[in-house]
Amino acid sequence: MNLRICTIAFVLLSMIACNNSKVNQTKESAFNDLYELSEMSLLMEDLHRFYKDKRDLVIENQAIGELPKDLDKIYYAEMTDGFERNELLRNFSDVFVNNVNLLHNSDSQNKVQLYNNMVNSCIACHKSEVGCIGPIPRIKKLLIQ
C-alpha cells in the first residue's frame, strides 16, 4: 500500500516538475526573483541571441548586417559579483571584438571559419580565469560543423 502511494506521488511530482521546466525561461523568469543578471550577463545573453539568429545567414554565406547593438559595453558593463575587470579580460574582449569586426566586414567566402573563430574566442574567455564556465555548452552549440 505504501509503495503504491509513493509511486503515485513520485509520478505526480515528476509530471509537475516536467511542466514547470517549460515555463518561460527568458530574462523575466522566476529565477530572476532570486538572482538579478549583471549588465555583463545581459550583454552576453544579447550577443548569444544575436549570433544564434545570424547562424543560418553565415551558413548560407550571406551578409549578416550591422554589428551587434552595444558591442562596446563589453569593455565597461558591470560585472557579475565575484568577477572583476582586468587586463586578461581586456585582452579577451579585444580578440572577440576583432573577430566580430572581421566577420561583419569581410567579403570572404569563408564566413563559417570567421564565425567559428568568433565563437571560439567566447569559449576561450569563458574557460579562462576571468570567465564563467557555466555557459560553455550553450556557446558551443553556436559552432558550425
C-alpha atoms as a PDB file:
ATOM      1  CA  MET A   1       0.000   0.000   0.000  1.00  0.00           C
ATOM      2  CA  ASN A   2       2.748   2.482   0.983  1.00  0.00           C
ATOM      3  CA  LEU A   3       4.714   1.559  -2.135  1.00  0.00           C
ATOM      4  CA  ARG A   4       1.673   2.305  -4.286  1.00  0.00           C
ATOM      5  CA  ILE A   5       1.155   5.728  -2.639  1.00  0.00           C
ATOM      6  CA  CYS A   6       4.863   6.559  -3.012  1.00  0.00           C
ATOM      7  CA  THR A   7       4.799   5.525  -6.668  1.00  0.00           C
ATOM      8  CA  ILE A   8       1.734   7.667  -7.392  1.00  0.00           C
ATOM      9  CA  ALA A   9       3.251  10.632  -5.534  1.00  0.00           C
ATOM     10  CA  PHE A  10       6.518  10.254  -7.455  1.00  0.00           C
ATOM     11  CA  VAL A  11       4.719  10.151 -10.812  1.00  0.00           C
ATOM     12  CA  LEU A  12       2.626  13.219  -9.951  1.00  0.00           C
ATOM     13  CA  LEU A  13       5.645  15.184  -8.754  1.00  0.00           C
ATOM     14  CA  SER A  14       7.579  14.202 -11.886  1.00  0.00           C
ATOM     15  CA  MET A  15       4.748  15.418 -14.094  1.00  0.00           C
ATOM     16  CA  ILE A  16       4.562  18.715 -12.211  1.00  0.00           C
ATOM     17  CA  ALA A  17       8.336  19.170 -12.430  1.00  0.00           C
ATOM     18  CA  CYS A  18       8.316  18.489 -16.183  1.00  0.00           C
ATOM     19  CA  ASN A  19       5.549  21.028 -16.737  1.00  0.00           C
ATOM     20  CA  ASN A  20       7.303  23.635 -14.589  1.00  0.00           C
ATOM     21  CA  SER A  21      10.568  23.247 -16.508  1.00  0.00           C
ATOM     22  CA  LYS A  22       8.838  24.535 -19.629  1.00  0.00           C
ATOM     23  CA  VAL A  23       7.899  27.840 -18.001  1.00  0.00           C
ATOM     24  CA  ASN A  24       9.198  30.882 -19.882  1.00  0.00           C
ATOM     25  CA  GLN A  25      12.976  30.865 -19.423  1.00  0.00           C
ATOM     26  CA  THR A  26      13.705  34.419 -20.548  1.00  0.00           C
ATOM     27  CA  LYS A  27      15.107  37.328 -18.587  1.00  0.00           C
ATOM     28  CA  GLU A  28      11.662  37.603 -16.993  1.00  0.00           C
ATOM     29  CA  SER A  29      11.782  34.131 -15.403  1.00  0.00           C
ATOM     30  CA  ALA A  30      11.082  33.345 -11.774  1.00  0.00           C
ATOM     31  CA  PHE A  31      14.820  32.719 -11.434  1.00  0.00           C
ATOM     32  CA  ASN A  32      15.296  36.492 -11.508  1.00  0.00           C
ATOM     33  CA  ASP A  33      13.387  36.744  -8.237  1.00  0.00           C
ATOM     34  CA  LEU A  34      16.405  35.047  -6.651  1.00  0.00           C
ATOM     35  CA  TYR A  35      19.172  36.313  -8.906  1.00  0.00           C
ATOM     36  CA  GLU A  36      19.463  39.504 -10.908  1.00  0.00           C
ATOM     37  CA  LEU A  37      21.636  39.273 -14.017  1.00  0.00           C
ATOM     38  CA  SER A  38      24.509  41.717 -14.165  1.00  0.00           C
ATOM     39  CA  GLU A  39      24.910  44.147 -17.029  1.00  0.00           C
ATOM     40  CA  MET A  40      27.680  41.908 -18.431  1.00  0.00           C
ATOM     41  CA  SER A  41      25.481  38.798 -18.195  1.00  0.00           C
ATOM     42  CA  LEU A  42      22.673  40.599 -20.005  1.00  0.00           C
ATOM     43  CA  LEU A  43      25.115  41.675 -22.715  1.00  0.00           C
ATOM     44  CA  MET A  44      26.315  38.078 -23.106  1.00  0.00           C
ATOM     45  CA  GLU A  45      22.684  36.905 -23.398  1.00  0.00           C
ATOM     46  CA  ASP A  46      22.006  39.530 -26.085  1.00  0.00           C
ATOM     47  CA  LEU A  47      25.155  38.581 -28.020  1.00  0.00           C
ATOM     48  CA  HIS A  48      24.285  34.888 -27.850  1.00  0.00           C
ATOM     49  CA  ARG A  49      20.780  35.554 -29.151  1.00  0.00           C
ATOM     50  CA  PHE A  50      22.125  37.874 -31.881  1.00  0.00           C
ATOM     51  CA  TYR A  51      24.607  35.326 -33.243  1.00  0.00           C
ATOM     52  CA  LYS A  52      22.218  32.426 -32.886  1.00  0.00           C
ATOM     53  CA  ASP A  53      19.871  34.387 -35.165  1.00  0.00           C
ATOM     54  CA  LYS A  54      22.717  35.091 -37.647  1.00  0.00           C
ATOM     55  CA  ARG A  55      23.969  31.493 -37.789  1.00  0.00           C
ATOM     56  CA  ASP A  56      21.880  30.452 -40.818  1.00  0.00           C
ATOM     57  CA  LEU A  57      22.978  33.526 -42.764  1.00  0.00           C
ATOM     58  CA  VAL A  58      26.596  32.573 -42.095  1.00  0.00           C
ATOM     59  CA  ILE A  59      25.972  29.004 -43.275  1.00  0.00           C
ATOM     60  CA  GLU A  60      24.460  30.395 -46.488  1.00  0.00           C
ATOM     61  CA  ASN A  61      27.448  32.782 -46.839  1.00  0.00           C
ATOM     62  CA  GLN A  62      25.147  35.814 -46.818  1.00  0.00           C
ATOM     63  CA  ALA A  63      25.818  39.237 -45.343  1.00  0.00           C
ATOM     64  CA  ILE A  64      24.894  39.334 -41.678  1.00  0.00           C
ATOM     65  CA  GLY A  65      24.376  43.064 -41.420  1.00  0.00           C
ATOM     66  CA  GLU A  66      25.415  45.559 -38.805  1.00  0.00           C
ATOM     67  CA  LEU A  67      27.440  44.920 -35.697  1.00  0.00           C
ATOM     68  CA  PRO A  68      25.526  43.901 -32.571  1.00  0.00           C
ATOM     69  CA  LYS A  69      23.990  46.740 -30.624  1.00  0.00           C
ATOM     70  CA  ASP A  70      26.027  47.781 -27.581  1.00  0.00           C
ATOM     71  CA  LEU A  71      29.083  45.701 -28.530  1.00  0.00           C
ATOM     72  CA  ASP A  72      31.325  48.275 -26.858  1.00  0.00           C
ATOM     73  CA  LYS A  73      29.661  47.536 -23.497  1.00  0.00           C
ATOM     74  CA  ILE A  74      31.961  44.535 -23.277  1.00  0.00           C
ATOM     75  CA  TYR A  75      34.609  46.997 -22.067  1.00  0.00           C
ATOM     76  CA  TYR A  76      32.616  48.665 -19.299  1.00  0.00           C
ATOM     77  CA  ALA A  77      29.491  46.652 -18.412  1.00  0.00           C
ATOM     78  CA  GLU A  78      29.019  45.972 -14.710  1.00  0.00           C
ATOM     79  CA  MET A  79      30.427  42.542 -13.915  1.00  0.00           C
ATOM     80  CA  THR A  80      28.724  39.735 -12.040  1.00  0.00           C
ATOM     81  CA  ASP A  81      29.663  39.587  -8.361  1.00  0.00           C
ATOM     82  CA  GLY A  82      32.873  37.630  -7.899  1.00  0.00           C
ATOM     83  CA  PHE A  83      34.297  38.659 -11.274  1.00  0.00           C
ATOM     84  CA  GLU A  84      36.404  41.693 -11.963  1.00  0.00           C
ATOM     85  CA  ARG A  85      37.626  43.531 -14.979  1.00  0.00           C
ATOM     86  CA  ASN A  86      41.372  43.111 -15.511  1.00  0.00           C
ATOM     87  CA  GLU A  87      43.981  43.075 -18.270  1.00  0.00           C
ATOM     88  CA  LEU A  88      43.267  39.463 -19.222  1.00  0.00           C
ATOM     89  CA  LEU A  89      39.574  40.217 -19.682  1.00  0.00           C
ATOM     90  CA  ARG A  90      40.511  43.282 -21.729  1.00  0.00           C
ATOM     91  CA  ASN A  91      42.685  41.084 -23.985  1.00  0.00           C
ATOM     92  CA  PHE A  92      39.902  38.524 -24.462  1.00  0.00           C
ATOM     93  CA  SER A  93      37.464  41.364 -25.184  1.00  0.00           C
ATOM     94  CA  ASP A  94      39.842  42.803 -27.791  1.00  0.00           C
ATOM     95  CA  VAL A  95      40.129  39.420 -29.525  1.00  0.00           C
ATOM     96  CA  PHE A  96      36.354  38.963 -29.507  1.00  0.00           C
ATOM     97  CA  VAL A  97      35.637  42.461 -30.859  1.00  0.00           C
ATOM     98  CA  ASN A  98      38.305  41.991 -33.531  1.00  0.00           C
ATOM     99  CA  ASN A  99      36.736  38.672 -34.579  1.00  0.00           C
ATOM    100  CA  VAL A 100      33.291  40.283 -34.673  1.00  0.00           C
ATOM    101  CA  ASN A 101      34.597  43.063 -36.911  1.00  0.00           C
ATOM    102  CA  LEU A 102      36.307  40.568 -39.221  1.00  0.00           C
ATOM    103  CA  LEU A 103      33.098  38.584 -39.524  1.00  0.00           C
ATOM    104  CA  HIS A 104      30.904  41.593 -40.250  1.00  0.00           C
ATOM    105  CA  ASN A 105      33.288  43.426 -42.567  1.00  0.00           C
ATOM    106  CA  SER A 106      34.708  40.548 -44.569  1.00  0.00           C
ATOM    107  CA  ASP A 107      33.779  39.702 -48.126  1.00  0.00           C
ATOM    108  CA  SER A 108      35.441  36.337 -47.588  1.00  0.00           C
ATOM    109  CA  GLN A 109      33.825  33.230 -48.939  1.00  0.00           C
ATOM    110  CA  ASN A 110      34.698  31.539 -45.667  1.00  0.00           C
ATOM    111  CA  LYS A 111      32.279  33.219 -43.260  1.00  0.00           C
ATOM    112  CA  VAL A 112      31.877  29.923 -41.399  1.00  0.00           C
ATOM    113  CA  GLN A 113      35.521  29.999 -40.326  1.00  0.00           C
ATOM    114  CA  LEU A 114      35.251  33.655 -39.262  1.00  0.00           C
ATOM    115  CA  TYR A 115      32.049  32.903 -37.346  1.00  0.00           C
ATOM    116  CA  ASN A 116      33.601  29.892 -35.619  1.00  0.00           C
ATOM    117  CA  ASN A 117      36.679  31.988 -34.742  1.00  0.00           C
ATOM    118  CA  MET A 118      34.367  34.478 -33.066  1.00  0.00           C
ATOM    119  CA  VAL A 119      32.522  31.739 -31.158  1.00  0.00           C
ATOM    120  CA  ASN A 120      35.824  30.105 -30.161  1.00  0.00           C
ATOM    121  CA  SER A 121      37.029  33.427 -28.744  1.00  0.00           C
ATOM    122  CA  CYS A 122      33.982  33.364 -26.464  1.00  0.00           C
ATOM    123  CA  ILE A 123      34.741  29.807 -25.383  1.00  0.00           C
ATOM    124  CA  ALA A 124      38.410  30.628 -24.706  1.00  0.00           C
ATOM    125  CA  CYS A 125      37.459  33.546 -22.472  1.00  0.00           C
ATOM    126  CA  HIS A 126      34.857  31.539 -20.579  1.00  0.00           C
ATOM    127  CA  LYS A 127      37.403  28.747 -19.995  1.00  0.00           C
ATOM    128  CA  SER A 128      39.918  31.205 -18.553  1.00  0.00           C
ATOM    129  CA  GLU A 129      40.161  32.510 -15.007  1.00  0.00           C
ATOM    130  CA  VAL A 130      38.210  35.649 -15.959  1.00  0.00           C
ATOM    131  CA  GLY A 131      35.200  33.819 -17.384  1.00  0.00           C
ATOM    132  CA  CYS A 132      32.270  31.845 -16.112  1.00  0.00           C
ATOM    133  CA  ILE A 133      32.368  28.232 -17.335  1.00  0.00           C
ATOM    134  CA  GLY A 134      28.614  27.674 -16.971  1.00  0.00           C
ATOM    135  CA  PRO A 135      27.543  28.864 -20.427  1.00  0.00           C
ATOM    136  CA  ILE A 136      30.260  26.992 -22.380  1.00  0.00           C
ATOM    137  CA  PRO A 137      27.996  24.094 -23.516  1.00  0.00           C
ATOM    138  CA  ARG A 138      25.425  26.609 -24.738  1.00  0.00           C
ATOM    139  CA  ILE A 139      28.067  28.680 -26.536  1.00  0.00           C
ATOM    140  CA  LYS A 140      29.474  25.553 -28.219  1.00  0.00           C
ATOM    141  CA  LYS A 141      26.065  24.958 -29.810  1.00  0.00           C
ATOM    142  CA  LEU A 142      26.665  28.094 -31.887  1.00  0.00           C
ATOM    143  CA  LEU A 143      29.632  26.469 -33.649  1.00  0.00           C
ATOM    144  CA  ILE A 144      29.042  25.430 -37.239  1.00  0.00           C
ATOM    145  CA  GLN A 145      30.335  21.975 -38.187  1.00  0.00           C
END
